[in-house]
Amino acid sequence: MKRTSPGCPHMAWTPENIESVRRLVIESPQRSTRSRASILGLSHHSLQRILHGELNFHPYKIMTVQKLLPSDFVQRRLFFERMLEIIASDDVILIMSDEAHFDLDGYVNKQNC
């Protein structure tokens, strides 16, 4: 059971507003929240509360990845075969990590994307 907040009631959280926000997000998912709020006549904060609290919509983070070319697959296969040979030898210790930062074409700041 949801508890009511002790402050002012959320006047924008009407079933009609929630449904109109849901429809607008489905119709145009690329539109900004500020323009959605303007279209619906809601405050930006009210729209964000509806998106997060009622509809469970959350922003996503852009992931930057390297583009693979057809010639890369041959190099990857050769690297894989060489690594198998190295791992098979008893005198090598291999330490791997799942963290990586790739800086190929300059600095990428994901916060500004």
PDB file of N, CA and C in Angstrom:
ATOM      1  N   MET A   1       0.830  -1.168   0.000  1.00  0.00           N
ATOM      2  CA  MET A   1       0.000   0.000   0.000  1.00  0.00           C
ATOM      3  C   MET A   1       0.882   1.242   0.000  1.00  0.00           C
ATOM      4  N   LYS A   2       0.606   2.167  -0.911  1.00  0.00           N
ATOM      5  CA  LYS A   2       1.404   3.385  -1.001  1.00  0.00           C
ATOM      6  C   LYS A   2       1.009   4.341   0.113  1.00  0.00           C
ATOM      7  N   ARG A   3       2.007   4.947   0.703  1.00  0.00           N
ATOM      8  CA  ARG A   3       1.753   5.944   1.741  1.00  0.00           C
ATOM      9  C   ARG A   3       1.657   7.308   1.072  1.00  0.00           C
ATOM     10  N   THR A   4       0.812   8.148   1.574  1.00  0.00           N
ATOM     11  CA  THR A   4       0.705   9.500   1.043  1.00  0.00           C
ATOM     12  C   THR A   4       1.763  10.365   1.699  1.00  0.00           C
ATOM     13  N   SER A   5       2.322  11.280   0.935  1.00  0.00           N
ATOM     14  CA  SER A   5       3.349  12.152   1.484  1.00  0.00           C
ATOM     15  C   SER A   5       2.700  13.212   2.362  1.00  0.00           C
ATOM     16  N   PRO A   6       3.419  13.693   3.375  1.00  0.00           N
ATOM     17  CA  PRO A   6       2.837  14.668   4.281  1.00  0.00           C
ATOM     18  C   PRO A   6       2.721  16.064   3.653  1.00  0.00           C
ATOM     19  N   GLY A   7       3.369  16.289   2.516  1.00  0.00           N
ATOM     20  CA  GLY A   7       3.347  17.603   1.889  1.00  0.00           C
ATOM     21  C   GLY A   7       2.107  17.826   1.045  1.00  0.00           C
ATOM     22  N   CYS A   8       2.232  18.736   0.111  1.00  0.00           N
ATOM     23  CA  CYS A   8       1.122  19.054  -0.787  1.00  0.00           C
ATOM     24  C   CYS A   8       0.781  17.851  -1.652  1.00  0.00           C
ATOM     25  N   PRO A   9      -0.477  17.663  -1.992  1.00  0.00           N
ATOM     26  CA  PRO A   9      -0.839  16.528  -2.854  1.00  0.00           C
ATOM     27  C   PRO A   9      -0.317  16.741  -4.270  1.00  0.00           C
ATOM     28  N   HIS A  10      -0.033  15.652  -4.947  1.00  0.00           N
ATOM     29  CA  HIS A  10       0.446  15.702  -6.321  1.00  0.00           C
ATOM     30  C   HIS A  10      -0.760  15.890  -7.240  1.00  0.00           C
ATOM     31  N   MET A  11      -1.023  17.119  -7.615  1.00  0.00           N
ATOM     32  CA  MET A  11      -2.201  17.419  -8.424  1.00  0.00           C
ATOM     33  C   MET A  11      -2.051  16.908  -9.863  1.00  0.00           C
ATOM     34  N   ALA A  12      -0.818  16.737 -10.337  1.00  0.00           N
ATOM     35  CA  ALA A  12      -0.603  16.313 -11.717  1.00  0.00           C
ATOM     36  C   ALA A  12      -0.743  14.800 -11.882  1.00  0.00           C
ATOM     37  N   TRP A  13      -0.782  14.069 -10.789  1.00  0.00           N
ATOM     38  CA  TRP A  13      -0.835  12.613 -10.862  1.00  0.00           C
ATOM     39  C   TRP A  13      -2.254  12.112 -11.028  1.00  0.00           C
ATOM     40  N   THR A  14      -2.952  12.616 -12.007  1.00  0.00           N
ATOM     41  CA  THR A  14      -4.297  12.121 -12.284  1.00  0.00           C
ATOM     42  C   THR A  14      -4.199  10.984 -13.283  1.00  0.00           C
ATOM     43  N   PRO A  15      -5.139  10.069 -13.301  1.00  0.00           N
ATOM     44  CA  PRO A  15      -5.097   8.979 -14.286  1.00  0.00           C
ATOM     45  C   PRO A  15      -5.071   9.496 -15.727  1.00  0.00           C
ATOM     46  N   GLU A  16      -5.734  10.614 -15.992  1.00  0.00           N
ATOM     47  CA  GLU A  16      -5.738  11.175 -17.350  1.00  0.00           C
ATOM     48  C   GLU A  16      -4.347  11.664 -17.730  1.00  0.00           C
ATOM     49  N   ASN A  17      -3.678  12.362 -16.808  1.00  0.00           N
ATOM     50  CA  ASN A  17      -2.327  12.849 -17.095  1.00  0.00           C
ATOM     51  C   ASN A  17      -1.340  11.703 -17.265  1.00  0.00           C
ATOM     52  N   ILE A  18      -1.469  10.693 -16.440  1.00  0.00           N
ATOM     53  CA  ILE A  18      -0.568   9.543 -16.531  1.00  0.00           C
ATOM     54  C   ILE A  18      -0.743   8.851 -17.879  1.00  0.00           C
ATOM     55  N   GLU A  19      -1.985   8.676 -18.314  1.00  0.00           N
ATOM     56  CA  GLU A  19      -2.235   8.029 -19.604  1.00  0.00           C
ATOM     57  C   GLU A  19      -1.757   8.896 -20.757  1.00  0.00           C
ATOM     58  N   SER A  20      -1.933  10.211 -20.671  1.00  0.00           N
ATOM     59  CA  SER A  20      -1.473  11.075 -21.765  1.00  0.00           C
ATOM     60  C   SER A  20       0.050  11.114 -21.829  1.00  0.00           C
ATOM     61  N   VAL A  21       0.734  11.048 -20.684  1.00  0.00           N
ATOM     62  CA  VAL A  21       2.201  10.972 -20.689  1.00  0.00           C
ATOM     63  C   VAL A  21       2.640   9.662 -21.321  1.00  0.00           C
ATOM     64  N   ARG A  22       1.964   8.555 -20.963  1.00  0.00           N
ATOM     65  CA  ARG A  22       2.317   7.250 -21.531  1.00  0.00           C
ATOM     66  C   ARG A  22       2.152   7.256 -23.055  1.00  0.00           C
ATOM     67  N   ARG A  23       1.037   7.810 -23.541  1.00  0.00           N
ATOM     68  CA  ARG A  23       0.800   7.868 -24.994  1.00  0.00           C
ATOM     69  C   ARG A  23       1.851   8.716 -25.702  1.00  0.00           C
ATOM     70  N   LEU A  24       2.180   9.867 -25.113  1.00  0.00           N
ATOM     71  CA  LEU A  24       3.145  10.768 -25.746  1.00  0.00           C
ATOM     72  C   LEU A  24       4.539  10.143 -25.808  1.00  0.00           C
ATOM     73  N   VAL A  25       4.928   9.408 -24.780  1.00  0.00           N
ATOM     74  CA  VAL A  25       6.239   8.746 -24.782  1.00  0.00           C
ATOM     75  C   VAL A  25       6.270   7.653 -25.845  1.00  0.00           C
ATOM     76  N   ILE A  26       5.196   6.903 -25.980  1.00  0.00           N
ATOM     77  CA  ILE A  26       5.141   5.829 -26.981  1.00  0.00           C
ATOM     78  C   ILE A  26       5.129   6.412 -28.395  1.00  0.00           C
ATOM     79  N   GLU A  27       4.404   7.513 -28.595  1.00  0.00           N
ATOM     80  CA  GLU A  27       4.325   8.125 -29.927  1.00  0.00           C
ATOM     81  C   GLU A  27       5.645   8.744 -30.358  1.00  0.00           C
ATOM     82  N   SER A  28       6.331   9.417 -29.445  1.00  0.00           N
ATOM     83  CA  SER A  28       7.595  10.084 -29.805  1.00  0.00           C
ATOM     84  C   SER A  28       8.613   9.897 -28.685  1.00  0.00           C
ATOM     85  N   PRO A  29       9.309   8.757 -28.688  1.00  0.00           N
ATOM     86  CA  PRO A  29      10.240   8.467 -27.596  1.00  0.00           C
ATOM     87  C   PRO A  29      11.485   9.359 -27.594  1.00  0.00           C
ATOM     88  N   GLN A  30      11.814  10.006 -28.710  1.00  0.00           N
ATOM     89  CA  GLN A  30      13.014  10.833 -28.770  1.00  0.00           C
ATOM     90  C   GLN A  30      12.788  12.253 -28.251  1.00  0.00           C
ATOM     91  N   ARG A  31      11.555  12.642 -28.034  1.00  0.00           N
ATOM     92  CA  ARG A  31      11.233  14.006 -27.601  1.00  0.00           C
ATOM     93  C   ARG A  31      11.754  14.239 -26.179  1.00  0.00           C
ATOM     94  N   SER A  32      12.197  15.451 -25.893  1.00  0.00           N
ATOM     95  CA  SER A  32      12.736  15.772 -24.571  1.00  0.00           C
ATOM     96  C   SER A  32      11.607  15.876 -23.551  1.00  0.00           C
ATOM     97  N   THR A  33      11.966  15.727 -22.281  1.00  0.00           N
ATOM     98  CA  THR A  33      10.948  15.814 -21.228  1.00  0.00           C
ATOM     99  C   THR A  33      10.427  17.239 -21.089  1.00  0.00           C
ATOM    100  N   ARG A  34      11.261  18.209 -21.357  1.00  0.00           N
ATOM    101  CA  ARG A  34      10.795  19.599 -21.263  1.00  0.00           C
ATOM    102  C   ARG A  34       9.754  19.900 -22.345  1.00  0.00           C
ATOM    103  N   SER A  35       9.971  19.410 -23.554  1.00  0.00           N
ATOM    104  CA  SER A  35       8.974  19.654 -24.605  1.00  0.00           C
ATOM    105  C   SER A  35       7.695  18.854 -24.337  1.00  0.00           C
ATOM    106  N   ARG A  36       7.814  17.651 -23.779  1.00  0.00           N
ATOM    107  CA  ARG A  36       6.617  16.885 -23.404  1.00  0.00           C
ATOM    108  C   ARG A  36       5.812  17.628 -22.351  1.00  0.00           C
ATOM    109  N   ALA A  37       6.507  18.177 -21.360  1.00  0.00           N
ATOM    110  CA  ALA A  37       5.818  18.913 -20.304  1.00  0.00           C
ATOM    111  C   ALA A  37       5.099  20.122 -20.875  1.00  0.00           C
ATOM    112  N   SER A  38       5.723  20.804 -21.817  1.00  0.00           N
ATOM    113  CA  SER A  38       5.101  21.972 -22.443  1.00  0.00           C
ATOM    114  C   SER A  38       3.855  21.572 -23.234  1.00  0.00           C
ATOM    115  N   ILE A  39       3.953  20.477 -23.976  1.00  0.00           N
ATOM    116  CA  ILE A  39       2.820  20.008 -24.778  1.00  0.00           C
ATOM    117  C   ILE A  39       1.633  19.638 -23.889  1.00  0.00           C
ATOM    118  N   LEU A  40       1.920  18.954 -22.771  1.00  0.00           N
ATOM    119  CA  LEU A  40       0.855  18.464 -21.894  1.00  0.00           C
ATOM    120  C   LEU A  40       0.384  19.507 -20.883  1.00  0.00           C
ATOM    121  N   GLY A  41       1.085  20.622 -20.787  1.00  0.00           N
ATOM    122  CA  GLY A  41       0.703  21.648 -19.828  1.00  0.00           C
ATOM    123  C   GLY A  41       1.045  21.280 -18.398  1.00  0.00           C
ATOM    124  N   LEU A  42       2.087  20.484 -18.224  1.00  0.00           N
ATOM    125  CA  LEU A  42       2.549  20.079 -16.897  1.00  0.00           C
ATOM    126  C   LEU A  42       3.890  20.735 -16.606  1.00  0.00           C
ATOM    127  N   SER A  43       4.250  20.797 -15.358  1.00  0.00           N
ATOM    128  CA  SER A  43       5.599  21.266 -15.032  1.00  0.00           C
ATOM    129  C   SER A  43       6.586  20.145 -15.356  1.00  0.00           C
ATOM    130  N   HIS A  44       7.830  20.528 -15.586  1.00  0.00           N
ATOM    131  CA  HIS A  44       8.862  19.539 -15.900  1.00  0.00           C
ATOM    132  C   HIS A  44       9.032  18.558 -14.745  1.00  0.00           C
ATOM    133  N   HIS A  45       8.978  19.060 -13.532  1.00  0.00           N
ATOM    134  CA  HIS A  45       9.139  18.207 -12.352  1.00  0.00           C
ATOM    135  C   HIS A  45       7.979  17.213 -12.222  1.00  0.00           C
ATOM    136  N   SER A  46       6.764  17.666 -12.482  1.00  0.00           N
ATOM    137  CA  SER A  46       5.605  16.764 -12.417  1.00  0.00           C
ATOM    138  C   SER A  46       5.710  15.670 -13.462  1.00  0.00           C
ATOM    139  N   LEU A  47       6.139  16.046 -14.663  1.00  0.00           N
ATOM    140  CA  LEU A  47       6.299  15.045 -15.722  1.00  0.00           C
ATOM    141  C   LEU A  47       7.345  14.015 -15.333  1.00  0.00           C
ATOM    142  N   GLN A  48       8.459  14.463 -14.768  1.00  0.00           N
ATOM    143  CA  GLN A  48       9.496  13.515 -14.358  1.00  0.00           C
ATOM    144  C   GLN A  48       9.002  12.600 -13.245  1.00  0.00           C
ATOM    145  N   ARG A  49       8.222  13.121 -12.313  1.00  0.00           N
ATOM    146  CA  ARG A  49       7.671  12.277 -11.252  1.00  0.00           C
ATOM    147  C   ARG A  49       6.731  11.223 -11.820  1.00  0.00           C
ATOM    148  N   ILE A  50       5.934  11.594 -12.812  1.00  0.00           N
ATOM    149  CA  ILE A  50       5.034  10.619 -13.444  1.00  0.00           C
ATOM    150  C   ILE A  50       5.851   9.568 -14.185  1.00  0.00           C
ATOM    151  N   LEU A  51       6.853  10.006 -14.946  1.00  0.00           N
ATOM    152  CA  LEU A  51       7.678   9.063 -15.720  1.00  0.00           C
ATOM    153  C   LEU A  51       8.388   8.064 -14.808  1.00  0.00           C
ATOM    154  N   HIS A  52       8.968   8.542 -13.720  1.00  0.00           N
ATOM    155  CA  HIS A  52       9.732   7.667 -12.831  1.00  0.00           C
ATOM    156  C   HIS A  52       8.827   6.899 -11.865  1.00  0.00           C
ATOM    157  N   GLY A  53       7.900   7.617 -11.224  1.00  0.00           N
ATOM    158  CA  GLY A  53       7.113   7.004 -10.156  1.00  0.00           C
ATOM    159  C   GLY A  53       5.999   6.099 -10.630  1.00  0.00           C
ATOM    160  N   GLU A  54       5.232   6.538 -11.615  1.00  0.00           N
ATOM    161  CA  GLU A  54       4.070   5.771 -12.053  1.00  0.00           C
ATOM    162  C   GLU A  54       4.368   4.845 -13.221  1.00  0.00           C
ATOM    163  N   LEU A  55       5.130   5.325 -14.208  1.00  0.00           N
ATOM    164  CA  LEU A  55       5.345   4.548 -15.426  1.00  0.00           C
ATOM    165  C   LEU A  55       6.636   3.741 -15.408  1.00  0.00           C
ATOM    166  N   ASN A  56       7.486   3.963 -14.414  1.00  0.00           N
ATOM    167  CA  ASN A  56       8.774   3.261 -14.298  1.00  0.00           C
ATOM    168  C   ASN A  56       9.636   3.427 -15.550  1.00  0.00           C
ATOM    169  N   PHE A  57       9.601   4.614 -16.157  1.00  0.00           N
ATOM    170  CA  PHE A  57      10.489   4.931 -17.268  1.00  0.00           C
ATOM    171  C   PHE A  57      11.710   5.633 -16.697  1.00  0.00           C
ATOM    172  N   HIS A  58      12.886   5.248 -17.166  1.00  0.00           N
ATOM    173  CA  HIS A  58      14.127   5.830 -16.682  1.00  0.00           C
ATOM    174  C   HIS A  58      15.020   6.159 -17.870  1.00  0.00           C
ATOM    175  N   PRO A  59      15.862   7.190 -17.752  1.00  0.00           N
ATOM    176  CA  PRO A  59      16.771   7.523 -18.845  1.00  0.00           C
ATOM    177  C   PRO A  59      17.821   6.426 -19.003  1.00  0.00           C
ATOM    178  N   TYR A  60      18.384   6.337 -20.177  1.00  0.00           N
ATOM    179  CA  TYR A  60      19.406   5.326 -20.421  1.00  0.00           C
ATOM    180  C   TYR A  60      20.730   6.010 -20.694  1.00  0.00           C
ATOM    181  N   LYS A  61      21.801   5.275 -20.449  1.00  0.00           N
ATOM    182  CA  LYS A  61      23.149   5.765 -20.691  1.00  0.00           C
ATOM    183  C   LYS A  61      23.595   5.331 -22.074  1.00  0.00           C
ATOM    184  N   ILE A  62      24.243   6.232 -22.786  1.00  0.00           N
ATOM    185  CA  ILE A  62      24.771   5.914 -24.106  1.00  0.00           C
ATOM    186  C   ILE A  62      26.066   5.127 -23.926  1.00  0.00           C
ATOM    187  N   MET A  63      26.177   4.016 -24.623  1.00  0.00           N
ATOM    188  CA  MET A  63      27.399   3.224 -24.568  1.00  0.00           C
ATOM    189  C   MET A  63      28.194   3.469 -25.839  1.00  0.00           C
ATOM    190  N   THR A  64      29.462   3.780 -25.676  1.00  0.00           N
ATOM    191  CA  THR A  64      30.326   3.971 -26.836  1.00  0.00           C
ATOM    192  C   THR A  64      31.075   2.664 -27.078  1.00  0.00           C
ATOM    193  N   VAL A  65      31.025   2.191 -28.287  1.00  0.00           N
ATOM    194  CA  VAL A  65      31.693   0.941 -28.646  1.00  0.00           C
ATOM    195  C   VAL A  65      32.480   1.142 -29.926  1.00  0.00           C
ATOM    196  N   GLN A  66      33.393   0.246 -30.169  1.00  0.00           N
ATOM    197  CA  GLN A  66      34.215   0.315 -31.367  1.00  0.00           C
ATOM    198  C   GLN A  66      33.508  -0.388 -32.520  1.00  0.00           C
ATOM    199  N   LYS A  67      33.533   0.235 -33.687  1.00  0.00           N
ATOM    200  CA  LYS A  67      32.929  -0.374 -34.859  1.00  0.00           C
ATOM    201  C   LYS A  67      33.857  -1.471 -35.391  1.00  0.00           C
ATOM    202  N   LEU A  68      33.304  -2.656 -35.604  1.00  0.00           N
ATOM    203  CA  LEU A  68      34.090  -3.764 -36.137  1.00  0.00           C
ATOM    204  C   LEU A  68      33.977  -3.783 -37.656  1.00  0.00           C
ATOM    205  N   LEU A  69      35.117  -3.923 -38.289  1.00  0.00           N
ATOM    206  CA  LEU A  69      35.184  -4.009 -39.748  1.00  0.00           C
ATOM    207  C   LEU A  69      35.347  -5.466 -40.153  1.00  0.00           C
ATOM    208  N   PRO A  70      35.040  -5.802 -41.417  1.00  0.00           N
ATOM    209  CA  PRO A  70      35.207  -7.200 -41.853  1.00  0.00           C
ATOM    210  C   PRO A  70      36.640  -7.722 -41.679  1.00  0.00           C
ATOM    211  N   SER A  71      37.630  -6.856 -41.825  1.00  0.00           N
ATOM    212  CA  SER A  71      39.023  -7.302 -41.669  1.00  0.00           C
ATOM    213  C   SER A  71      39.373  -7.600 -40.217  1.00  0.00           C
ATOM    214  N   ASP A  72      38.586  -7.099 -39.283  1.00  0.00           N
ATOM    215  CA  ASP A  72      38.871  -7.310 -37.861  1.00  0.00           C
ATOM    216  C   ASP A  72      38.646  -8.756 -37.437  1.00  0.00           C
ATOM    217  N   PHE A  73      37.766  -9.464 -38.094  1.00  0.00           N
ATOM    218  CA  PHE A  73      37.442 -10.824 -37.674  1.00  0.00           C
ATOM    219  C   PHE A  73      38.625 -11.769 -37.867  1.00  0.00           C
ATOM    220  N   VAL A  74      39.400 -11.578 -38.932  1.00  0.00           N
ATOM    221  CA  VAL A  74      40.587 -12.408 -39.162  1.00  0.00           C
ATOM    222  C   VAL A  74      41.616 -12.147 -38.068  1.00  0.00           C
ATOM    223  N   GLN A  75      41.827 -10.860 -37.739  1.00  0.00           N
ATOM    224  CA  GLN A  75      42.781 -10.523 -36.685  1.00  0.00           C
ATOM    225  C   GLN A  75      42.325 -11.057 -35.333  1.00  0.00           C
ATOM    226  N   ARG A  76      41.045 -11.000 -35.068  1.00  0.00           N
ATOM    227  CA  ARG A  76      40.532 -11.515 -33.803  1.00  0.00           C
ATOM    228  C   ARG A  76      40.721 -13.029 -33.718  1.00  0.00           C
ATOM    229  N   ARG A  77      40.506 -13.712 -34.819  1.00  0.00           N
ATOM    230  CA  ARG A  77      40.690 -15.169 -34.844  1.00  0.00           C
ATOM    231  C   ARG A  77      42.152 -15.544 -34.607  1.00  0.00           C
ATOM    232  N   LEU A  78      43.073 -14.816 -35.242  1.00  0.00           N
ATOM    233  CA  LEU A  78      44.497 -15.080 -35.041  1.00  0.00           C
ATOM    234  C   LEU A  78      44.902 -14.811 -33.588  1.00  0.00           C
ATOM    235  N   PHE A  79      44.384 -13.722 -33.020  1.00  0.00           N
ATOM    236  CA  PHE A  79      44.684 -13.409 -31.632  1.00  0.00           C
ATOM    237  C   PHE A  79      44.154 -14.502 -30.708  1.00  0.00           C
ATOM    238  N   PHE A  80      42.945 -14.971 -30.969  1.00  0.00           N
ATOM    239  CA  PHE A  80      42.338 -16.024 -30.171  1.00  0.00           C
ATOM    240  C   PHE A  80      43.171 -17.300 -30.212  1.00  0.00           C
ATOM    241  N   GLU A  81      43.611 -17.693 -31.402  1.00  0.00           N
ATOM    242  CA  GLU A  81      44.408 -18.914 -31.529  1.00  0.00           C
ATOM    243  C   GLU A  81      45.746 -18.772 -30.815  1.00  0.00           C
ATOM    244  N   ARG A  82      46.367 -17.585 -30.910  1.00  0.00           N
ATOM    245  CA  ARG A  82      47.648 -17.349 -30.235  1.00  0.00           C
ATOM    246  C   ARG A  82      47.450 -17.379 -28.706  1.00  0.00           C
ATOM    247  N   MET A  83      46.367 -16.793 -28.215  1.00  0.00           N
ATOM    248  CA  MET A  83      46.108 -16.805 -26.775  1.00  0.00           C
ATOM    249  C   MET A  83      45.883 -18.228 -26.262  1.00  0.00           C
ATOM    250  N   LEU A  84      45.225 -19.069 -27.044  1.00  0.00           N
ATOM    251  CA  LEU A  84      45.053 -20.466 -26.642  1.00  0.00           C
ATOM    252  C   LEU A  84      46.394 -21.171 -26.504  1.00  0.00           C
ATOM    253  N   GLU A  85      47.311 -20.873 -27.406  1.00  0.00           N
ATOM    254  CA  GLU A  85      48.659 -21.471 -27.321  1.00  0.00           C
ATOM    255  C   GLU A  85      49.373 -20.983 -26.065  1.00  0.00           C
ATOM    256  N   ILE A  86      49.259 -19.704 -25.766  1.00  0.00           N
ATOM    257  CA  ILE A  86      49.936 -19.148 -24.593  1.00  0.00           C
ATOM    258  C   ILE A  86      49.347 -19.732 -23.312  1.00  0.00           C
ATOM    259  N   ILE A  87      48.028 -19.825 -23.249  1.00  0.00           N
ATOM    260  CA  ILE A  87      47.377 -20.356 -22.051  1.00  0.00           C
ATOM    261  C   ILE A  87      47.713 -21.826 -21.848  1.00  0.00           C
ATOM    262  N   ALA A  88      47.866 -22.558 -22.951  1.00  0.00           N
ATOM    263  CA  ALA A  88      48.163 -23.990 -22.859  1.00  0.00           C
ATOM    264  C   ALA A  88      49.552 -24.242 -22.279  1.00  0.00           C
ATOM    265  N   SER A  89      50.481 -23.302 -22.451  1.00  0.00           N
ATOM    266  CA  SER A  89      51.819 -23.503 -21.887  1.00  0.00           C
ATOM    267  C   SER A  89      51.756 -23.321 -20.378  1.00  0.00           C
ATOM    268  N   ASP A  90      52.562 -24.088 -19.637  1.00  0.00           N
ATOM    269  CA  ASP A  90      52.505 -24.100 -18.181  1.00  0.00           C
ATOM    270  C   ASP A  90      53.260 -22.948 -17.523  1.00  0.00           C
ATOM    271  N   ASP A  91      54.143 -22.271 -18.240  1.00  0.00           N
ATOM    272  CA  ASP A  91      54.987 -21.258 -17.620  1.00  0.00           C
ATOM    273  C   ASP A  91      54.418 -19.832 -17.726  1.00  0.00           C
ATOM    274  N   VAL A  92      53.157 -19.693 -18.093  1.00  0.00           N
ATOM    275  CA  VAL A  92      52.568 -18.372 -18.253  1.00  0.00           C
ATOM    276  C   VAL A  92      51.405 -18.209 -17.266  1.00  0.00           C
ATOM    277  N   ILE A  93      51.369 -17.039 -16.615  1.00  0.00           N
ATOM    278  CA  ILE A  93      50.247 -16.697 -15.748  1.00  0.00           C
ATOM    279  C   ILE A  93      49.463 -15.603 -16.451  1.00  0.00           C
ATOM    280  N   LEU A  94      48.188 -15.811 -16.601  1.00  0.00           N
ATOM    281  CA  LEU A  94      47.330 -14.860 -17.305  1.00  0.00           C
ATOM    282  C   LEU A  94      46.312 -14.284 -16.337  1.00  0.00           C
ATOM    283  N   ILE A  95      46.275 -12.948 -16.246  1.00  0.00           N
ATOM    284  CA  ILE A  95      45.311 -12.254 -15.397  1.00  0.00           C
ATOM    285  C   ILE A  95      44.417 -11.424 -16.307  1.00  0.00           C
ATOM    286  N   MET A  96      43.095 -11.587 -16.166  1.00  0.00           N
ATOM    287  CA  MET A  96      42.149 -10.852 -17.002  1.00  0.00           C
ATOM    288  C   MET A  96      41.214 -10.034 -16.126  1.00  0.00           C
ATOM    289  N   SER A  97      40.739  -8.916 -16.677  1.00  0.00           N
ATOM    290  CA  SER A  97      39.801  -8.049 -15.986  1.00  0.00           C
ATOM    291  C   SER A  97      38.679  -7.698 -16.947  1.00  0.00           C
ATOM    292  N   ASP A  98      37.495  -7.400 -16.411  1.00  0.00           N
ATOM    293  CA  ASP A  98      36.388  -7.042 -17.290  1.00  0.00           C
ATOM    294  C   ASP A  98      36.242  -5.528 -17.425  1.00  0.00           C
ATOM    295  N   GLU A  99      37.164  -4.752 -16.868  1.00  0.00           N
ATOM    296  CA  GLU A  99      37.093  -3.302 -16.987  1.00  0.00           C
ATOM    297  C   GLU A  99      38.014  -2.832 -18.098  1.00  0.00           C
ATOM    298  N   ALA A 100      37.547  -1.848 -18.857  1.00  0.00           N
ATOM    299  CA  ALA A 100      38.365  -1.302 -19.935  1.00  0.00           C
ATOM    300  C   ALA A 100      37.886   0.100 -20.267  1.00  0.00           C
ATOM    301  N   HIS A 101      38.803   0.948 -20.683  1.00  0.00           N
ATOM    302  CA  HIS A 101      38.468   2.279 -21.184  1.00  0.00           C
ATOM    303  C   HIS A 101      39.184   2.435 -22.519  1.00  0.00           C
ATOM    304  N   PHE A 102      38.425   2.634 -23.566  1.00  0.00           N
ATOM    305  CA  PHE A 102      38.997   2.759 -24.898  1.00  0.00           C
ATOM    306  C   PHE A 102      38.927   4.208 -25.334  1.00  0.00           C
ATOM    307  N   ASP A 103      40.031   4.739 -25.783  1.00  0.00           N
ATOM    308  CA  ASP A 103      40.128   6.118 -26.228  1.00  0.00           C
ATOM    309  C   ASP A 103      40.708   6.099 -27.638  1.00  0.00           C
ATOM    310  N   LEU A 104      39.874   5.845 -28.643  1.00  0.00           N
ATOM    311  CA  LEU A 104      40.353   5.626 -30.002  1.00  0.00           C
ATOM    312  C   LEU A 104      40.440   6.904 -30.833  1.00  0.00           C
ATOM    313  N   ASP A 105      39.394   7.700 -30.822  1.00  0.00           N
ATOM    314  CA  ASP A 105      39.341   8.889 -31.681  1.00  0.00           C
ATOM    315  C   ASP A 105      39.322  10.177 -30.868  1.00  0.00           C
ATOM    316  N   GLY A 106      39.842  10.141 -29.691  1.00  0.00           N
ATOM    317  CA  GLY A 106      39.792  11.301 -28.826  1.00  0.00           C
ATOM    318  C   GLY A 106      39.009  10.981 -27.577  1.00  0.00           C
ATOM    319  N   TYR A 107      38.940  11.934 -26.683  1.00  0.00           N
ATOM    320  CA  TYR A 107      38.269  11.724 -25.406  1.00  0.00           C
ATOM    321  C   TYR A 107      36.769  11.716 -25.597  1.00  0.00           C
ATOM    322  N   VAL A 108      36.083  10.733 -25.043  1.00  0.00           N
ATOM    323  CA  VAL A 108      34.630  10.634 -25.130  1.00  0.00           C
ATOM    324  C   VAL A 108      34.063  10.861 -23.734  1.00  0.00           C
ATOM    325  N   ASN A 109      33.298  11.921 -23.566  1.00  0.00           N
ATOM    326  CA  ASN A 109      32.632  12.194 -22.300  1.00  0.00           C
ATOM    327  C   ASN A 109      31.169  11.799 -22.439  1.00  0.00           C
ATOM    328  N   LYS A 110      30.788  10.652 -21.878  1.00  0.00           N
ATOM    329  CA  LYS A 110      29.420  10.150 -22.041  1.00  0.00           C
ATOM    330  C   LYS A 110      28.390  11.046 -21.366  1.00  0.00           C
ATOM    331  N   GLN A 111      28.807  11.861 -20.416  1.00  0.00           N
ATOM    332  CA  GLN A 111      27.868  12.744 -19.750  1.00  0.00           C
ATOM    333  C   GLN A 111      27.372  13.845 -20.689  1.00  0.00           C
ATOM    334  N   ASN A 112      28.161  14.157 -21.709  1.00  0.00           N
ATOM    335  CA  ASN A 112      27.777  15.229 -22.647  1.00  0.00           C
ATOM    336  C   ASN A 112      27.069  14.715 -23.894  1.00  0.00           C
ATOM    337  N   CYS A 113      26.940  13.407 -24.039  1.00  0.00           N
ATOM    338  CA  CYS A 113      26.295  12.857 -25.235  1.00  0.00           C
ATOM    339  C   CYS A 113      24.794  13.002 -25.140  1.00  0.00           C
TER     340      CYS A 113
END
